[in-house]
Amino acid sequence: MPFIPSAASCGVLRFKSKNVIITVISIYRLSEGKIAEEWRNRDTLGMLQQLGILHLKRTS
């Protein structure tokens, strides 16, 4: 995953011959030119839907 502060990155996971896209957002806080803190959030719900583990019904 490339180092892109405050930007979304995507990873690809192969699962039973199927490509799955995992979206990750990484945010870094810098202090004195060094990384002081890091926060990451990944789209687990989207990944589970792509793997067929979770099915959501749309409502109007």
N, C-alpha and C. Protein backbone atom coordinates (compact mmCIF):
# COMPACT_ATOMS: atom_id res chain seq x y z
N MET A 1 0.85 -1.17 0.00
CA MET A 1 0.00 0.00 0.00
C MET A 1 0.90 1.23 0.00
N PRO A 2 0.69 2.15 -0.90
CA PRO A 2 1.52 3.36 -0.96
C PRO A 2 1.27 4.27 0.23
N PHE A 3 2.27 5.03 0.60
CA PHE A 3 2.14 6.00 1.69
C PHE A 3 1.57 7.29 1.11
N ILE A 4 0.27 7.50 1.31
CA ILE A 4 -0.41 8.71 0.86
C ILE A 4 -1.21 9.23 2.04
N PRO A 5 -0.67 10.19 2.78
CA PRO A 5 -1.40 10.70 3.95
C PRO A 5 -2.77 11.25 3.58
N SER A 6 -3.76 10.95 4.39
CA SER A 6 -5.12 11.46 4.24
C SER A 6 -5.75 11.12 2.91
N ALA A 7 -5.39 9.99 2.33
CA ALA A 7 -5.97 9.59 1.04
C ALA A 7 -6.40 8.13 1.12
N ALA A 8 -7.29 7.74 0.23
CA ALA A 8 -7.78 6.36 0.20
C ALA A 8 -6.86 5.52 -0.67
N SER A 9 -6.60 4.31 -0.22
CA SER A 9 -5.81 3.35 -0.98
C SER A 9 -6.66 2.10 -1.13
N CYS A 10 -6.39 1.33 -2.15
CA CYS A 10 -7.14 0.09 -2.37
C CYS A 10 -6.18 -1.08 -2.40
N GLY A 11 -6.60 -2.18 -1.80
CA GLY A 11 -5.84 -3.43 -1.87
C GLY A 11 -6.70 -4.45 -2.57
N VAL A 12 -6.07 -5.47 -3.12
CA VAL A 12 -6.83 -6.53 -3.79
C VAL A 12 -6.48 -7.85 -3.13
N LEU A 13 -7.50 -8.61 -2.79
CA LEU A 13 -7.36 -9.91 -2.14
C LEU A 13 -7.97 -10.96 -3.05
N ARG A 14 -7.26 -12.08 -3.26
CA ARG A 14 -7.81 -13.16 -4.08
C ARG A 14 -8.48 -14.17 -3.18
N PHE A 15 -9.75 -14.46 -3.45
CA PHE A 15 -10.52 -15.39 -2.64
C PHE A 15 -11.24 -16.34 -3.58
N LYS A 16 -10.81 -17.60 -3.58
CA LYS A 16 -11.43 -18.62 -4.43
C LYS A 16 -11.56 -18.15 -5.87
N SER A 17 -10.44 -17.71 -6.43
CA SER A 17 -10.36 -17.26 -7.83
C SER A 17 -11.22 -16.02 -8.10
N LYS A 18 -11.49 -15.24 -7.08
CA LYS A 18 -12.28 -14.03 -7.25
C LYS A 18 -11.50 -12.85 -6.68
N ASN A 19 -11.39 -11.78 -7.44
CA ASN A 19 -10.74 -10.58 -6.93
C ASN A 19 -11.70 -9.82 -6.03
N VAL A 20 -11.21 -9.38 -4.90
CA VAL A 20 -11.99 -8.60 -3.95
C VAL A 20 -11.25 -7.30 -3.71
N ILE A 21 -11.94 -6.19 -3.83
CA ILE A 21 -11.33 -4.87 -3.61
C ILE A 21 -11.61 -4.44 -2.17
N ILE A 22 -10.52 -4.10 -1.46
CA ILE A 22 -10.64 -3.63 -0.09
C ILE A 22 -10.20 -2.17 -0.06
N THR A 23 -11.10 -1.29 0.32
CA THR A 23 -10.78 0.13 0.39
C THR A 23 -10.31 0.46 1.81
N VAL A 24 -9.17 1.15 1.89
CA VAL A 24 -8.59 1.52 3.18
C VAL A 24 -8.29 3.02 3.16
N ILE A 25 -8.61 3.69 4.26
CA ILE A 25 -8.26 5.09 4.43
C ILE A 25 -7.26 5.17 5.57
N SER A 26 -6.11 5.77 5.32
CA SER A 26 -5.09 5.96 6.35
C SER A 26 -4.88 7.45 6.56
N ILE A 27 -4.88 7.86 7.82
CA ILE A 27 -4.66 9.26 8.18
C ILE A 27 -3.49 9.30 9.16
N TYR A 28 -2.53 10.17 8.88
CA TYR A 28 -1.35 10.28 9.72
C TYR A 28 -1.28 11.68 10.32
N ARG A 29 -0.89 11.76 11.60
CA ARG A 29 -0.60 13.05 12.23
C ARG A 29 0.90 13.13 12.38
N LEU A 30 1.47 14.20 11.83
CA LEU A 30 2.90 14.39 11.88
C LEU A 30 3.26 15.38 12.98
N SER A 31 4.37 15.11 13.65
CA SER A 31 4.88 16.00 14.68
C SER A 31 6.40 16.04 14.54
N GLU A 32 6.93 17.22 14.33
CA GLU A 32 8.38 17.41 14.16
C GLU A 32 8.93 16.53 13.04
N GLY A 33 8.18 16.43 11.95
CA GLY A 33 8.63 15.69 10.78
C GLY A 33 8.53 14.17 10.89
N LYS A 34 7.92 13.67 11.97
CA LYS A 34 7.78 12.23 12.15
C LYS A 34 6.30 11.88 12.34
N ILE A 35 5.96 10.63 12.02
CA ILE A 35 4.59 10.18 12.24
C ILE A 35 4.38 9.99 13.75
N ALA A 36 3.44 10.75 14.30
CA ALA A 36 3.14 10.67 15.73
C ALA A 36 1.95 9.75 15.99
N GLU A 37 0.98 9.75 15.08
CA GLU A 37 -0.21 8.91 15.23
C GLU A 37 -0.68 8.46 13.86
N GLU A 38 -1.38 7.34 13.84
CA GLU A 38 -1.94 6.83 12.60
C GLU A 38 -3.34 6.27 12.89
N TRP A 39 -4.27 6.57 12.00
CA TRP A 39 -5.62 6.02 12.08
C TRP A 39 -5.90 5.32 10.76
N ARG A 40 -6.49 4.13 10.83
CA ARG A 40 -6.86 3.40 9.61
C ARG A 40 -8.30 2.94 9.73
N ASN A 41 -8.97 2.98 8.60
CA ASN A 41 -10.34 2.49 8.52
C ASN A 41 -10.48 1.72 7.22
N ARG A 42 -11.00 0.50 7.30
CA ARG A 42 -11.20 -0.28 6.08
C ARG A 42 -12.68 -0.61 5.94
N ASP A 43 -13.08 -0.81 4.70
CA ASP A 43 -14.48 -1.10 4.39
C ASP A 43 -14.74 -2.60 4.53
N THR A 44 -14.88 -3.07 5.76
CA THR A 44 -15.12 -4.49 6.03
C THR A 44 -16.48 -4.93 5.49
N LEU A 45 -17.48 -4.08 5.59
CA LEU A 45 -18.82 -4.41 5.10
C LEU A 45 -18.78 -4.68 3.59
N GLY A 46 -18.13 -3.81 2.85
CA GLY A 46 -18.00 -4.01 1.41
C GLY A 46 -17.26 -5.28 1.06
N MET A 47 -16.20 -5.60 1.83
CA MET A 47 -15.44 -6.81 1.60
C MET A 47 -16.31 -8.05 1.83
N LEU A 48 -17.08 -8.07 2.92
CA LEU A 48 -17.94 -9.22 3.22
C LEU A 48 -19.02 -9.40 2.16
N GLN A 49 -19.52 -8.30 1.61
CA GLN A 49 -20.52 -8.39 0.54
C GLN A 49 -19.90 -8.99 -0.71
N GLN A 50 -18.69 -8.58 -1.06
CA GLN A 50 -18.03 -9.11 -2.25
C GLN A 50 -17.71 -10.59 -2.12
N LEU A 51 -17.40 -11.03 -0.89
CA LEU A 51 -17.09 -12.44 -0.66
C LEU A 51 -18.35 -13.31 -0.61
N GLY A 52 -19.53 -12.68 -0.57
CA GLY A 52 -20.78 -13.42 -0.51
C GLY A 52 -21.13 -13.89 0.88
N ILE A 53 -20.44 -13.37 1.89
CA ILE A 53 -20.69 -13.75 3.28
C ILE A 53 -21.87 -12.99 3.85
N LEU A 54 -22.08 -11.78 3.39
CA LEU A 54 -23.14 -10.92 3.90
C LEU A 54 -23.98 -10.40 2.75
N HIS A 55 -25.29 -10.52 2.89
CA HIS A 55 -26.22 -10.04 1.87
C HIS A 55 -27.16 -9.03 2.54
N LEU A 56 -27.21 -7.83 2.00
CA LEU A 56 -28.09 -6.81 2.54
C LEU A 56 -29.23 -6.56 1.58
N LYS A 57 -30.41 -6.36 2.13
CA LYS A 57 -31.57 -6.04 1.31
C LYS A 57 -31.74 -4.53 1.26
N ARG A 58 -32.04 -4.02 0.09
CA ARG A 58 -32.29 -2.59 -0.06
C ARG A 58 -33.73 -2.29 0.27
N THR A 59 -33.95 -1.21 1.00
CA THR A 59 -35.31 -0.79 1.32
C THR A 59 -35.54 0.60 0.75
N SER A 60 -36.78 0.89 0.40
CA SER A 60 -37.09 2.21 -0.19
C SER A 60 -37.59 3.14 0.87
